C-alpha atoms as a PDB file:
ATOM      1  CA  MET A   1    -105.207 214.293  -6.663  1.00  0.00           C
ATOM      2  CA  LEU A   2    -103.254 213.291  -9.736  1.00  0.00           C
ATOM      3  CA  SER A   3    -104.785 214.103 -13.089  1.00  0.00           C
ATOM      4  CA  PRO A   4    -106.192 211.091 -14.984  1.00  0.00           C
ATOM      5  CA  HIS A   5    -104.271 212.409 -17.983  1.00  0.00           C
ATOM      6  CA  THR A   6    -100.910 212.225 -16.161  1.00  0.00           C
ATOM      7  CA  HIS A   7     -98.322 210.570 -18.360  1.00  0.00           C
ATOM      8  CA  LEU A   8     -97.535 207.118 -16.960  1.00  0.00           C
ATOM      9  CA  ARG A   9     -93.858 206.371 -16.529  1.00  0.00           C
ATOM     10  CA  SER A  10     -92.459 202.986 -17.508  1.00  0.00           C
ATOM     11  CA  ARG A  11     -89.261 202.972 -15.447  1.00  0.00           C
ATOM     12  CA  PRO A  12     -89.005 200.477 -12.544  1.00  0.00           C
ATOM     13  CA  ILE A  13     -90.184 201.602  -9.127  1.00  0.00           C
ATOM     14  CA  ALA A  14     -87.321 202.487  -6.772  1.00  0.00           C
ATOM     15  CA  ALA A  15     -86.910 200.202  -3.754  1.00  0.00           C
ATOM     16  CA  GLY A  16     -86.639 203.204  -1.417  1.00  0.00           C
ATOM     17  CA  GLN A  17     -90.042 204.435  -2.524  1.00  0.00           C
ATOM     18  CA  LEU A  18     -91.589 201.064  -1.710  1.00  0.00           C
ATOM     19  CA  ARG A  19     -89.998 201.063   1.754  1.00  0.00           C
ATOM     20  CA  ALA A  20     -91.407 204.522   2.428  1.00  0.00           C
ATOM     21  CA  PHE A  21     -94.813 203.544   1.056  1.00  0.00           C
ATOM     22  CA  GLU A  22     -94.993 200.390   3.209  1.00  0.00           C
ATOM     23  CA  ALA A  23     -94.042 202.300   6.368  1.00  0.00           C
ATOM     24  CA  VAL A  24     -96.586 205.077   5.766  1.00  0.00           C
ATOM     25  CA  ALA A  25     -99.281 202.523   4.869  1.00  0.00           C
ATOM     26  CA  ARG A  26     -98.584 200.548   8.043  1.00  0.00           C
ATOM     27  CA  HIS A  27     -98.560 203.564  10.375  1.00  0.00           C
ATOM     28  CA  LEU A  28    -100.984 205.723   8.347  1.00  0.00           C
ATOM     29  CA  ASN A  29     -98.785 208.550   9.505  1.00  0.00           C
ATOM     30  CA  PHE A  30     -95.895 210.314   7.784  1.00  0.00           C
ATOM     31  CA  ARG A  31     -94.170 211.298  11.025  1.00  0.00           C
ATOM     32  CA  ALA A  32     -94.160 207.755  12.437  1.00  0.00           C
ATOM     33  CA  ALA A  33     -92.855 206.402   9.122  1.00  0.00           C
ATOM     34  CA  SER A  34     -90.060 208.972   9.027  1.00  0.00           C
ATOM     35  CA  GLU A  35     -88.971 208.118  12.582  1.00  0.00           C
ATOM     36  CA  GLU A  36     -88.904 204.393  11.778  1.00  0.00           C
ATOM     37  CA  LEU A  37     -86.831 204.891   8.630  1.00  0.00           C
ATOM     38  CA  SER A  38     -84.617 207.636  10.160  1.00  0.00           C
ATOM     39  CA  LEU A  39     -85.623 210.115   7.452  1.00  0.00           C
ATOM     40  CA  THR A  40     -87.207 213.539   7.595  1.00  0.00           C
ATOM     41  CA  GLN A  41     -90.934 213.880   6.995  1.00  0.00           C
ATOM     42  CA  SER A  42     -90.221 215.930   3.892  1.00  0.00           C
ATOM     43  CA  ALA A  43     -88.009 213.136   2.504  1.00  0.00           C
ATOM     44  CA  ILE A  44     -90.777 210.593   3.100  1.00  0.00           C
ATOM     45  CA  SER A  45     -93.301 212.941   1.504  1.00  0.00           C
ATOM     46  CA  ARG A  46     -91.093 213.382  -1.572  1.00  0.00           C
ATOM     47  CA  GLN A  47     -90.677 209.605  -1.970  1.00  0.00           C
ATOM     48  CA  ILE A  48     -94.437 209.031  -1.746  1.00  0.00           C
ATOM     49  CA  GLN A  49     -95.107 211.840  -4.213  1.00  0.00           C
ATOM     50  CA  SER A  50     -92.528 210.418  -6.633  1.00  0.00           C
ATOM     51  CA  LEU A  51     -94.067 206.946  -6.287  1.00  0.00           C
ATOM     52  CA  GLU A  52     -97.546 208.297  -7.015  1.00  0.00           C
ATOM     53  CA  GLU A  53     -96.199 210.048 -10.090  1.00  0.00           C
ATOM     54  CA  ASP A  54     -94.572 206.820 -11.283  1.00  0.00           C
ATOM     55  CA  VAL A  55     -97.719 204.776 -10.637  1.00  0.00           C
ATOM     56  CA  GLY A  56     -99.990 207.435 -12.081  1.00  0.00           C
ATOM     57  CA  VAL A  57    -102.612 207.610  -9.317  1.00  0.00           C
ATOM     58  CA  SER A  58    -102.885 208.787  -5.725  1.00  0.00           C
ATOM     59  CA  LEU A  59    -102.061 206.152  -3.152  1.00  0.00           C
ATOM     60  CA  PHE A  60    -103.122 208.084  -0.033  1.00  0.00           C
ATOM     61  CA  LEU A  61    -105.891 210.469   0.953  1.00  0.00           C
ATOM     62  CA  ARG A  62    -104.263 213.211   3.050  1.00  0.00           C
ATOM     63  CA  HIS A  63    -106.143 214.371   6.124  1.00  0.00           C
ATOM     64  CA  THR A  64    -105.131 216.924   8.746  1.00  0.00           C
ATOM     65  CA  ARG A  65    -103.653 214.496  11.268  1.00  0.00           C
ATOM     66  CA  ALA A  66    -103.470 211.222   9.360  1.00  0.00           C
ATOM     67  CA  VAL A  67    -103.570 209.608   5.935  1.00  0.00           C
ATOM     68  CA  GLU A  68    -105.790 206.933   4.436  1.00  0.00           C
ATOM     69  CA  LEU A  69    -105.033 204.400   1.712  1.00  0.00           C
ATOM     70  CA  THR A  70    -106.901 204.752  -1.555  1.00  0.00           C
ATOM     71  CA  SER A  71    -108.144 201.606  -3.266  1.00  0.00           C
ATOM     72  CA  ALA A  72    -105.070 201.752  -5.528  1.00  0.00           C
ATOM     73  CA  GLY A  73    -102.845 202.129  -2.464  1.00  0.00           C
ATOM     74  CA  ALA A  74    -104.437 199.094  -0.820  1.00  0.00           C
ATOM     75  CA  GLN A  75    -103.910 197.097  -4.007  1.00  0.00           C
ATOM     76  CA  LEU A  76    -100.237 198.070  -4.157  1.00  0.00           C
ATOM     77  CA  LEU A  77     -99.738 197.299  -0.459  1.00  0.00           C
ATOM     78  CA  ARG A  78    -100.993 193.727  -0.962  1.00  0.00           C
ATOM     79  CA  ALA A  79     -98.202 193.215  -3.486  1.00  0.00           C
ATOM     80  CA  VAL A  80     -95.486 195.126  -1.643  1.00  0.00           C
ATOM     81  CA  LEU A  81     -95.860 193.504   1.792  1.00  0.00           C
ATOM     82  CA  PRO A  82     -95.052 189.863   0.839  1.00  0.00           C
ATOM     83  CA  SER A  83     -92.331 190.994  -1.561  1.00  0.00           C
ATOM     84  CA  LEU A  84     -90.507 192.992   1.106  1.00  0.00           C
ATOM     85  CA  GLU A  85     -90.942 190.170   3.609  1.00  0.00           C
ATOM     86  CA  ARG A  86     -89.347 187.701   1.188  1.00  0.00           C
ATOM     87  CA  ILE A  87     -86.463 190.070   0.507  1.00  0.00           C
ATOM     88  CA  ASP A  88     -85.897 190.665   4.223  1.00  0.00           C
ATOM     89  CA  GLY A  89     -86.051 186.928   4.909  1.00  0.00           C
ATOM     90  CA  ALA A  90     -83.500 186.193   2.203  1.00  0.00           C
ATOM     91  CA  VAL A  91     -81.167 188.867   3.526  1.00  0.00           C
ATOM     92  CA  ARG A  92     -81.449 187.441   7.051  1.00  0.00           C
ATOM     93  CA  MET A  93     -80.506 183.994   5.795  1.00  0.00           C
ATOM     94  CA  ILE A  94     -77.566 185.374   3.812  1.00  0.00           C
ATOM     95  CA  ARG A  95     -76.312 187.291   6.839  1.00  0.00           C
ATOM     96  CA  GLN A  96     -76.669 184.271   9.089  1.00  0.00           C
ATOM     97  CA  SER A  97     -74.772 182.012   6.677  1.00  0.00           C
ATOM     98  CA  ALA A  98     -72.051 184.536   5.839  1.00  0.00           C
ATOM     99  CA  GLY A  99     -68.696 183.067   6.732  1.00  0.00           C
ATOM    100  CA  ARG A 100     -70.137 179.623   7.542  1.00  0.00           C
ATOM    101  CA  LYS A 101     -68.895 176.483   5.822  1.00  0.00           C
ATOM    102  CA  SER A 102     -71.482 174.543   3.865  1.00  0.00           C
ATOM    103  CA  VAL A 103     -71.806 171.701   1.356  1.00  0.00           C
ATOM    104  CA  ALA A 104     -74.629 171.562  -1.193  1.00  0.00           C
ATOM    105  CA  ILE A 105     -75.563 168.116  -2.519  1.00  0.00           C
ATOM    106  CA  SER A 106     -77.802 167.168  -5.417  1.00  0.00           C
ATOM    107  CA  THR A 107     -79.327 163.698  -5.434  1.00  0.00           C
ATOM    108  CA  TRP A 108     -82.653 162.006  -6.059  1.00  0.00           C
ATOM    109  CA  ALA A 109     -85.372 161.743  -3.435  1.00  0.00           C
ATOM    110  CA  SER A 110     -85.326 157.990  -2.787  1.00  0.00           C
ATOM    111  CA  PHE A 111     -81.555 157.853  -2.311  1.00  0.00           C
ATOM    112  CA  ALA A 112     -81.680 160.886  -0.024  1.00  0.00           C
ATOM    113  CA  SER A 113     -84.392 159.430   2.196  1.00  0.00           C
ATOM    114  CA  MET A 114     -83.276 155.779   2.211  1.00  0.00           C
ATOM    115  CA  TRP A 115     -79.476 156.013   2.270  1.00  0.00           C
ATOM    116  CA  LEU A 116     -78.058 159.493   2.786  1.00  0.00           C
ATOM    117  CA  ILE A 117     -80.254 161.167   5.404  1.00  0.00           C
ATOM    118  CA  PRO A 118     -80.202 158.252   7.912  1.00  0.00           C
ATOM    119  CA  ARG A 119     -76.395 158.532   7.954  1.00  0.00           C
ATOM    120  CA  LEU A 120     -76.070 162.321   8.105  1.00  0.00           C
ATOM    121  CA  GLU A 121     -76.233 162.551  11.895  1.00  0.00           C
ATOM    122  CA  ALA A 122     -72.819 160.892  12.103  1.00  0.00           C
ATOM    123  CA  PHE A 123     -71.311 163.517   9.797  1.00  0.00           C
ATOM    124  CA  GLN A 124     -72.959 166.366  11.678  1.00  0.00           C
ATOM    125  CA  GLN A 125     -71.589 165.116  14.975  1.00  0.00           C
ATOM    126  CA  ALA A 126     -68.086 164.881  13.516  1.00  0.00           C
ATOM    127  CA  HIS A 127     -68.333 168.248  11.723  1.00  0.00           C
ATOM    128  CA  PRO A 128     -70.763 170.494  13.644  1.00  0.00           C
ATOM    129  CA  ASP A 129     -69.396 173.585  11.889  1.00  0.00           C
ATOM    130  CA  ILE A 130     -70.407 172.441   8.388  1.00  0.00           C
ATOM    131  CA  ASP A 131     -73.927 173.111   7.138  1.00  0.00           C
ATOM    132  CA  ILE A 132     -75.497 170.604   4.715  1.00  0.00           C
ATOM    133  CA  ARG A 133     -78.020 171.403   2.005  1.00  0.00           C
ATOM    134  CA  ILE A 134     -79.680 168.594   0.044  1.00  0.00           C
ATOM    135  CA  ASP A 135     -81.471 169.362  -3.219  1.00  0.00           C
ATOM    136  CA  ALA A 136     -83.528 166.285  -4.098  1.00  0.00           C
ATOM    137  CA  THR A 137     -84.144 166.182  -7.839  1.00  0.00           C
ATOM    138  CA  ASP A 138     -83.970 163.690 -10.692  1.00  0.00           C
ATOM    139  CA  THR A 139     -82.817 166.445 -13.034  1.00  0.00           C
ATOM    140  CA  PRO A 140     -79.051 166.577 -13.659  1.00  0.00           C
ATOM    141  CA  VAL A 141     -77.393 169.794 -12.505  1.00  0.00           C
ATOM    142  CA  ASP A 142     -74.442 171.605 -14.026  1.00  0.00           C
ATOM    143  CA  LEU A 143     -71.779 171.621 -11.321  1.00  0.00           C
ATOM    144  CA  ASP A 144     -69.774 174.189 -13.291  1.00  0.00           C
ATOM    145  CA  THR A 145     -72.439 176.887 -13.094  1.00  0.00           C
ATOM    146  CA  THR A 146     -74.760 176.130 -10.140  1.00  0.00           C
ATOM    147  CA  ASP A 147     -74.125 176.553  -6.417  1.00  0.00           C
ATOM    148  CA  VAL A 148     -74.217 172.760  -5.934  1.00  0.00           C
ATOM    149  CA  ASP A 149     -70.909 171.268  -4.768  1.00  0.00           C
ATOM    150  CA  LEU A 150     -71.429 167.600  -5.573  1.00  0.00           C
ATOM    151  CA  ALA A 151     -73.972 165.211  -7.060  1.00  0.00           C
ATOM    152  CA  LEU A 152     -74.877 161.636  -6.153  1.00  0.00           C
ATOM    153  CA  ARG A 153     -76.213 159.817  -9.188  1.00  0.00           C
ATOM    154  CA  TYR A 154     -77.475 156.400 -10.284  1.00  0.00           C
ATOM    155  CA  ALA A 155     -76.254 155.415 -13.734  1.00  0.00           C
ATOM    156  CA  MET A 156     -74.443 153.016 -16.028  1.00  0.00           C
ATOM    157  CA  PRO A 157     -70.640 153.290 -15.874  1.00  0.00           C
ATOM    158  CA  GLY A 158     -70.483 154.857 -19.332  1.00  0.00           C
ATOM    159  CA  ARG A 159     -73.050 157.533 -18.484  1.00  0.00           C
ATOM    160  CA  VAL A 160     -71.103 159.450 -15.809  1.00  0.00           C
ATOM    161  CA  PRO A 161     -68.431 162.136 -16.312  1.00  0.00           C
ATOM    162  CA  ALA A 162     -64.746 161.317 -16.241  1.00  0.00           C
ATOM    163  CA  GLY A 163     -63.396 161.453 -12.712  1.00  0.00           C
ATOM    164  CA  SER A 164     -66.618 160.202 -11.104  1.00  0.00           C
ATOM    165  CA  HIS A 165     -66.182 157.930  -8.083  1.00  0.00           C
ATOM    166  CA  ARG A 166     -68.076 154.650  -7.974  1.00  0.00           C
ATOM    167  CA  LEU A 167     -69.562 154.335  -4.498  1.00  0.00           C
ATOM    168  CA  PHE A 168     -71.136 150.896  -4.882  1.00  0.00           C
ATOM    169  CA  GLY A 169     -73.078 148.696  -7.251  1.00  0.00           C
ATOM    170  CA  GLU A 170     -76.209 146.764  -6.499  1.00  0.00           C
ATOM    171  CA  GLN A 171     -78.152 143.562  -6.833  1.00  0.00           C
ATOM    172  CA  LEU A 172     -81.895 143.077  -7.033  1.00  0.00           C
ATOM    173  CA  THR A 173     -83.628 140.792  -4.582  1.00  0.00           C
ATOM    174  CA  PRO A 174     -87.199 140.077  -3.404  1.00  0.00           C
ATOM    175  CA  VAL A 175     -87.982 141.242   0.134  1.00  0.00           C
ATOM    176  CA  VAL A 176     -91.017 140.789   2.345  1.00  0.00           C
ATOM    177  CA  SER A 177     -92.239 141.816   5.780  1.00  0.00           C
ATOM    178  CA  PRO A 178     -91.867 138.970   8.332  1.00  0.00           C
ATOM    179  CA  TRP A 179     -95.394 139.460   9.616  1.00  0.00           C
ATOM    180  CA  LEU A 180     -96.809 139.049   6.101  1.00  0.00           C
ATOM    181  CA  LEU A 181     -95.215 135.607   5.978  1.00  0.00           C
ATOM    182  CA  LYS A 182     -96.747 134.779   9.353  1.00  0.00           C
ATOM    183  CA  SER A 183    -100.242 135.802   8.318  1.00  0.00           C
ATOM    184  CA  GLY A 184    -100.160 134.993   4.610  1.00  0.00           C
ATOM    185  CA  PRO A 185     -99.387 132.053   2.333  1.00  0.00           C
ATOM    186  CA  ARG A 186     -96.057 130.259   2.393  1.00  0.00           C
ATOM    187  CA  LEU A 187     -93.098 131.570   0.416  1.00  0.00           C
ATOM    188  CA  GLU A 188     -90.693 128.672   0.175  1.00  0.00           C
ATOM    189  CA  ASN A 189     -89.691 128.861  -3.472  1.00  0.00           C
ATOM    190  CA  ALA A 190     -89.902 131.354  -6.313  1.00  0.00           C
ATOM    191  CA  GLU A 191     -93.053 129.760  -7.746  1.00  0.00           C
ATOM    192  CA  ASP A 192     -94.884 130.710  -4.522  1.00  0.00           C
ATOM    193  CA  LEU A 193     -94.664 134.380  -5.549  1.00  0.00           C
ATOM    194  CA  ALA A 194     -97.810 133.760  -7.579  1.00  0.00           C
ATOM    195  CA  ARG A 195     -99.699 133.778  -4.249  1.00  0.00           C
ATOM    196  CA  PHE A 196     -98.651 137.363  -3.410  1.00  0.00           C
ATOM    197  CA  ALA A 197     -99.067 140.910  -4.594  1.00  0.00           C
ATOM    198  CA  LEU A 198     -95.826 142.045  -6.215  1.00  0.00           C
ATOM    199  CA  VAL A 199     -94.538 145.610  -5.969  1.00  0.00           C
ATOM    200  CA  GLU A 200     -92.462 147.429  -8.579  1.00  0.00           C
ATOM    201  CA  ALA A 201     -91.848 150.858 -10.127  1.00  0.00           C
ATOM    202  CA  SER A 202     -94.691 152.243 -12.216  1.00  0.00           C
ATOM    203  CA  ASP A 203     -92.261 153.720 -14.753  1.00  0.00           C
ATOM    204  CA  ALA A 204     -90.029 150.646 -14.945  1.00  0.00           C
ATOM    205  CA  HIS A 205     -90.858 149.950 -18.592  1.00  0.00           C
ATOM    206  CA  ARG A 206     -90.492 153.526 -19.857  1.00  0.00           C
ATOM    207  CA  THR A 207     -86.699 153.622 -20.044  1.00  0.00           C
ATOM    208  CA  GLN A 208     -84.157 150.982 -20.936  1.00  0.00           C
ATOM    209  CA  HIS A 209     -82.179 151.059 -17.697  1.00  0.00           C
ATOM    210  CA  MET A 210     -85.290 150.953 -15.495  1.00  0.00           C
ATOM    211  CA  ALA A 211     -86.534 147.912 -17.410  1.00  0.00           C
ATOM    212  CA  LEU A 212     -83.490 146.090 -16.035  1.00  0.00           C
ATOM    213  CA  LEU A 213     -84.971 146.444 -12.522  1.00  0.00           C
ATOM    214  CA  THR A 214     -88.308 144.721 -13.167  1.00  0.00           C
ATOM    215  CA  TRP A 215     -89.865 141.597 -11.808  1.00  0.00           C
ATOM    216  CA  ARG A 216     -90.184 140.336 -15.382  1.00  0.00           C
ATOM    217  CA  ARG A 217     -86.390 140.333 -15.806  1.00  0.00           C
ATOM    218  CA  TRP A 218     -86.042 138.535 -12.455  1.00  0.00           C
ATOM    219  CA  PHE A 219     -88.630 135.946 -13.564  1.00  0.00           C
ATOM    220  CA  ASP A 220     -86.751 135.406 -16.816  1.00  0.00           C
ATOM    221  CA  ALA A 221     -83.532 134.774 -14.895  1.00  0.00           C
ATOM    222  CA  GLN A 222     -85.336 132.141 -12.800  1.00  0.00           C
ATOM    223  CA  GLN A 223     -86.994 130.626 -15.880  1.00  0.00           C
ATOM    224  CA  LEU A 224     -90.430 131.630 -14.606  1.00  0.00           C
ATOM    225  CA  THR A 225     -91.553 133.480 -17.721  1.00  0.00           C
ATOM    226  CA  ARG A 226     -95.218 132.564 -17.261  1.00  0.00           C
ATOM    227  CA  LEU A 227     -95.556 133.405 -13.579  1.00  0.00           C
ATOM    228  CA  GLU A 228     -98.318 135.898 -12.784  1.00  0.00           C
ATOM    229  CA  PRO A 229     -98.820 137.315  -9.275  1.00  0.00           C
ATOM    230  CA  LYS A 230    -102.018 137.690  -7.308  1.00  0.00           C
ATOM    231  CA  ARG A 231    -101.943 141.385  -8.275  1.00  0.00           C
ATOM    232  CA  TRP A 232     -99.518 144.195  -9.026  1.00  0.00           C
ATOM    233  CA  LEU A 233     -98.779 147.310  -6.976  1.00  0.00           C
ATOM    234  CA  TYR A 234     -96.981 150.158  -8.728  1.00  0.00           C
ATOM    235  CA  PHE A 235     -95.240 153.155  -7.154  1.00  0.00           C
ATOM    236  CA  ASN A 236     -93.209 156.043  -8.535  1.00  0.00           C
ATOM    237  CA  TYR A 237     -90.242 155.949  -6.157  1.00  0.00           C
ATOM    238  CA  ALA A 238     -87.941 153.364  -4.623  1.00  0.00           C
ATOM    239  CA  HIS A 239     -88.699 154.527  -1.071  1.00  0.00           C
ATOM    240  CA  GLN A 240     -92.420 153.978  -1.739  1.00  0.00           C
ATOM    241  CA  ILE A 241     -91.719 150.443  -2.943  1.00  0.00           C
ATOM    242  CA  ALA A 242     -89.703 149.684   0.186  1.00  0.00           C
ATOM    243  CA  GLN A 243     -92.402 151.202   2.390  1.00  0.00           C
ATOM    244  CA  ALA A 244     -95.027 148.999   0.761  1.00  0.00           C
ATOM    245  CA  ALA A 245     -92.926 145.939   1.589  1.00  0.00           C
ATOM    246  CA  LEU A 246     -92.308 147.112   5.170  1.00  0.00           C
ATOM    247  CA  THR A 247     -96.041 147.519   5.746  1.00  0.00           C
ATOM    248  CA  GLY A 248     -96.829 144.064   4.376  1.00  0.00           C
ATOM    249  CA  GLN A 249     -98.593 145.123   1.205  1.00  0.00           C
ATOM    250  CA  GLY A 250     -96.697 142.655  -0.955  1.00  0.00           C
ATOM    251  CA  VAL A 251     -93.319 141.305  -2.001  1.00  0.00           C
ATOM    252  CA  ALA A 252     -91.059 143.955  -3.501  1.00  0.00           C
ATOM    253  CA  LEU A 253     -88.091 143.619  -5.816  1.00  0.00           C
ATOM    254  CA  VAL A 254     -85.615 146.093  -4.339  1.00  0.00           C
ATOM    255  CA  ARG A 255     -82.082 147.431  -4.732  1.00  0.00           C
ATOM    256  CA  THR A 256     -79.820 145.963  -2.062  1.00  0.00           C
ATOM    257  CA  PRO A 257     -77.931 149.167  -1.061  1.00  0.00           C
ATOM    258  CA  LEU A 258     -81.176 150.932  -0.217  1.00  0.00           C
ATOM    259  CA  ILE A 259     -82.550 148.244   2.119  1.00  0.00           C
ATOM    260  CA  ALA A 260     -79.378 146.772   3.671  1.00  0.00           C
ATOM    261  CA  GLU A 261     -80.226 148.216   7.099  1.00  0.00           C
ATOM    262  CA  SER A 262     -83.798 146.900   6.969  1.00  0.00           C
ATOM    263  CA  LEU A 263     -82.461 143.419   6.206  1.00  0.00           C
ATOM    264  CA  ALA A 264     -79.888 143.648   9.006  1.00  0.00           C
ATOM    265  CA  SER A 265     -82.538 144.735  11.518  1.00  0.00           C
ATOM    266  CA  GLY A 266     -85.011 142.058  10.460  1.00  0.00           C
ATOM    267  CA  ASP A 267     -87.654 144.580   9.404  1.00  0.00           C
ATOM    268  CA  LEU A 268     -87.482 142.972   5.966  1.00  0.00           C
ATOM    269  CA  LEU A 269     -86.657 139.369   5.054  1.00  0.00           C
ATOM    270  CA  GLU A 270     -84.910 138.128   1.927  1.00  0.00           C
ATOM    271  CA  PRO A 271     -86.648 134.821   1.088  1.00  0.00           C
ATOM    272  CA  PHE A 272     -84.270 133.875  -1.757  1.00  0.00           C
ATOM    273  CA  PRO A 273     -80.766 135.185  -0.923  1.00  0.00           C
ATOM    274  CA  LYS A 274     -79.186 132.864  -3.501  1.00  0.00           C
ATOM    275  CA  LEU A 275     -81.348 134.284  -6.280  1.00  0.00           C
ATOM    276  CA  ARG A 276     -80.040 137.856  -6.241  1.00  0.00           C
ATOM    277  CA  LEU A 277     -79.824 139.400  -9.691  1.00  0.00           C
ATOM    278  CA  ASP A 278     -76.898 141.620 -10.644  1.00  0.00           C
ATOM    279  CA  SER A 279     -77.750 145.131 -11.820  1.00  0.00           C
ATOM    280  CA  PRO A 280     -75.609 146.932 -14.404  1.00  0.00           C
ATOM    281  CA  LEU A 281     -76.208 150.260 -12.669  1.00  0.00           C
ATOM    282  CA  ALA A 282     -74.105 151.800  -9.909  1.00  0.00           C
ATOM    283  CA  TYR A 283     -74.126 154.747  -7.503  1.00  0.00           C
ATOM    284  CA  TRP A 284     -71.668 157.555  -8.216  1.00  0.00           C
ATOM    285  CA  LEU A 285     -70.141 160.578  -6.542  1.00  0.00           C
ATOM    286  CA  ILE A 286     -69.539 163.510  -8.901  1.00  0.00           C
ATOM    287  CA  VAL A 287     -67.714 166.541  -7.489  1.00  0.00           C
ATOM    288  CA  GLY A 288     -67.873 169.990  -9.058  1.00  0.00           C
ATOM    289  CA  PRO A 289     -64.406 171.091 -10.235  1.00  0.00           C
ATOM    290  CA  ARG A 290     -64.784 174.586  -8.773  1.00  0.00           C
ATOM    291  CA  ASN A 291     -65.330 173.253  -5.259  1.00  0.00           C
ATOM    292  CA  ALA A 292     -63.332 170.017  -5.118  1.00  0.00           C
ATOM    293  CA  ALA A 293     -60.471 171.528  -3.101  1.00  0.00           C
ATOM    294  CA  ARG A 294     -62.594 173.225  -0.422  1.00  0.00           C
ATOM    295  CA  PRO A 295     -61.859 171.613   2.969  1.00  0.00           C
ATOM    296  CA  GLU A 296     -65.529 171.119   3.845  1.00  0.00           C
ATOM    297  CA  VAL A 297     -66.249 169.432   0.497  1.00  0.00           C
ATOM    298  CA  LEU A 298     -63.206 167.177   0.926  1.00  0.00           C
ATOM    299  CA  ALA A 299     -64.367 166.287   4.450  1.00  0.00           C
ATOM    300  CA  PHE A 300     -67.822 165.354   3.230  1.00  0.00           C
ATOM    301  CA  CYS A 301     -66.476 163.309   0.309  1.00  0.00           C
ATOM    302  CA  ASN A 302     -64.101 161.380   2.580  1.00  0.00           C
ATOM    303  CA  TRP A 303     -66.929 160.667   5.014  1.00  0.00           C
ATOM    304  CA  LEU A 304     -69.195 159.619   2.147  1.00  0.00           C
ATOM    305  CA  LYS A 305     -66.613 157.188   0.808  1.00  0.00           C
ATOM    306  CA  GLY A 306     -66.293 155.621   4.237  1.00  0.00           C
ATOM    307  CA  GLN A 307     -70.048 155.132   4.393  1.00  0.00           C
ATOM    308  CA  ALA A 308     -69.981 153.632   0.909  1.00  0.00           C
ATOM    309  CA  GLU A 309     -67.339 151.128   1.993  1.00  0.00           C
ATOM    310  CA  GLN A 310     -69.640 149.977   4.800  1.00  0.00           C
ATOM    311  CA  THR A 311     -72.473 149.521   2.323  1.00  0.00           C
ATOM    312  CA  ARG A 312     -70.257 147.545  -0.055  1.00  0.00           C
ATOM    313  CA  ARG A 313     -69.348 145.175   2.765  1.00  0.00           C
ATOM    314  CA  ALA A 314     -72.984 144.847   3.833  1.00  0.00           C
ATOM    315  CA  ILE A 315     -74.226 143.885   0.362  1.00  0.00           C
ATOM    316  CA  GLY A 316     -71.137 141.941  -0.756  1.00  0.00           C
ATOM    317  CA  ASP A 317     -70.506 144.306  -3.635  1.00  0.00           C
ATOM    318  CA  VAL A 318     -67.751 143.286  -6.040  1.00  0.00           C
ATOM    319  CA  PRO A 319     -67.088 146.117  -8.511  1.00  0.00           C
ATOM    320  CA  ASP A 320     -66.859 145.609 -12.238  1.00  0.00           C
ATOM    321  CA  PRO A 321     -63.181 145.499 -13.363  1.00  0.00           C
ATOM    322  CA  ASP A 322     -63.921 148.286 -15.829  1.00  0.00           C
ATOM    323  CA  THR A 323     -64.775 150.675 -13.010  1.00  0.00           C
ATOM    324  CA  VAL A 324     -62.354 149.582 -10.304  1.00  0.00           C
ATOM    325  CA  ASP A 325     -59.965 152.408 -11.152  1.00  0.00           C
ATOM    326  CA  ARG A 326     -62.686 154.868 -10.220  1.00  0.00           C
ATOM    327  CA  LEU A 327     -63.584 153.125  -6.982  1.00  0.00           C
ATOM    328  CA  ASP A 328     -62.997 155.235  -3.885  1.00  0.00           C
END
């Protein structure tokens, strides 16, 4: 039993001591722990003794044929077990991915779910040896210092780094579920929107560029400044807005690149195709300079640009002359 007056050490606990402790605590037997770790019993005993000295209390009660955890030992085991499991899991993943080709992409959640992920199967079939990792975040990442290879961003032309590739622009247009039109009031002209719930982003008025995507701006363009809908529905993300329209909860003002497939399939209808409103924002590909020449990154970028060309054709995108030199 260690003395309560034992001087407590402040140095970090050695990883080998924790491995020995976990094995003895699991088997409650020094011999079984030594066989598992391919060490002698005396080596295991020395590691446990050193750990107890570092911690400052006894971790085991020694009996003739077995050992028993003290309350302090049980407390330490609860912390050690998940920590070692996480370390072992991380090492397994590193070993499995060693030597494999991979591309890490940063983008925001709505773009990932509505545009990128539905297309990824085609890339995976063409390049089965390349692993893809998507980090969905609205926070910009530093491609010079992180392990992210490329970023897909939504911004004004003047707000992206030099060398960025413009994938496509966008227009804003009202969309509605066909079954809502069958069961609800008529929607023959823009004034009829007053009969419906209208869906838009809840944070649309918090930043200047998001304010450009609002129903109010669309109303102003149609000279309907006094129009008020039946009610408003607000959501945080573009994919939530589209989902609300798909499920017939109202008429949504959406970004054409994100719902082009839903329009083509007939899942959503565009009641006023001649009243599309141009958006000053565009979608950009930004490649980290450290990784731009890697074959797998080049393959993904080339595939991505091909997909972007299909989207441009689908939405009739005509790029701004100021950005055409950065068009893929």
